[in-house]
Amino acid sequence: MYLLYSILSSTVIFIVFKLFSRFGINRLQAIVMNYVVACAAGLVLYERPIAFAEIPDKAWFFGALLLGVLFILIFNLMALTTQRSGIAVVSVATKMSVVIPILFGVFYYKDQLGILKLTGIILALVAVYLASIKQKDGLQVKKENLIFPVLVFLGSGIIDASIKFLEASAIAKSEVPLFSALIFAAAFAIGLIFVIIQVIKGKLRLQFKNVLAGIALGVPNYFSIYFLVQALRNDWESSTVFLINNVGIVVVSTLAGILLFQEKLLLKNWIGLILAVIGIVLVSISR
């Protein structure tokens, strides 16, 4: 159920992002505000008294700070990649990055990799590629822009692998909300610097609607991380959890796009969705 909740939370993020363009939302302002809300959600849901002076002594403190920095940096890289190469390139790079936590789980945590699971992983990766590309002519990336989707791929994969490592080695169950809150607090601090620079340069004007958009984004963003960490605590291998989570987001968000935004899919998109379901089933039964 935690895995399902994580997938649904990430799908809500997709829906909110889709509405940004419709209402003329400034993404940077909304993203920074979203981190404030996500941090607040973690602090509210933390059931114990918060001793802020003790947080730097937590085993996961510096890991959470690093994740927060990666969150905001990868966001900006995603925005830059979208401008230069299109949203399909970003989508593929982000979702294909699941290879990194899968390999991390196999080699570091000795996750099993039988025929069924390997077949499911391959089908799922093919499915992600096919389902993410909405253009008939496929992906087109200029050589000078190739570095940006590569960095998005590496950064997204490192974030997932790091979350698994910290969950397994440093985070007590009761501390998950606090851990998540610190990630978003660090991301907010870095993001606020970007906003201040933009305002000083006169390139950005603060608007209330962007604050509201950030609030709408912050709640599902927090729970997408919270539920993912909780899902990693069950008896499934981390490679299985990450694959089902990433591919499940592709499937559910694509279906949401059809139902809510009347998006039209190409034949290869439908094939991708079918392969995604088959891949998820094979990986699930192979555990």
Foldseek 3Di string as FASTA:
>chain_A
DLLVLLLVLVLLLLVLVVCCVVVVADVLLLQLLLLVLLLVVLVVPQPDDDDPVCLVVFPCNVVLLVLLVLVLVLVVLQVVCCVQWNNLLLQLLLLLLLVLLLVCLCPVVVDDDDPLLVLLLVLLNLLSLLQSDQDPVGGDHDPVSPVSSVCSSPSNNVSLNSLLVCLVPTDDPSCLSVSLSSNSVSNSVVSVVVVVVCVVVVNDDDDVVSSVSSNSNNPSVSSSSSSLSVVSPDPDGSSLSSSCSSSSSSLVSSVCCCVPVVDDGDPSSVVSNVSSVSSNVSNVVVD
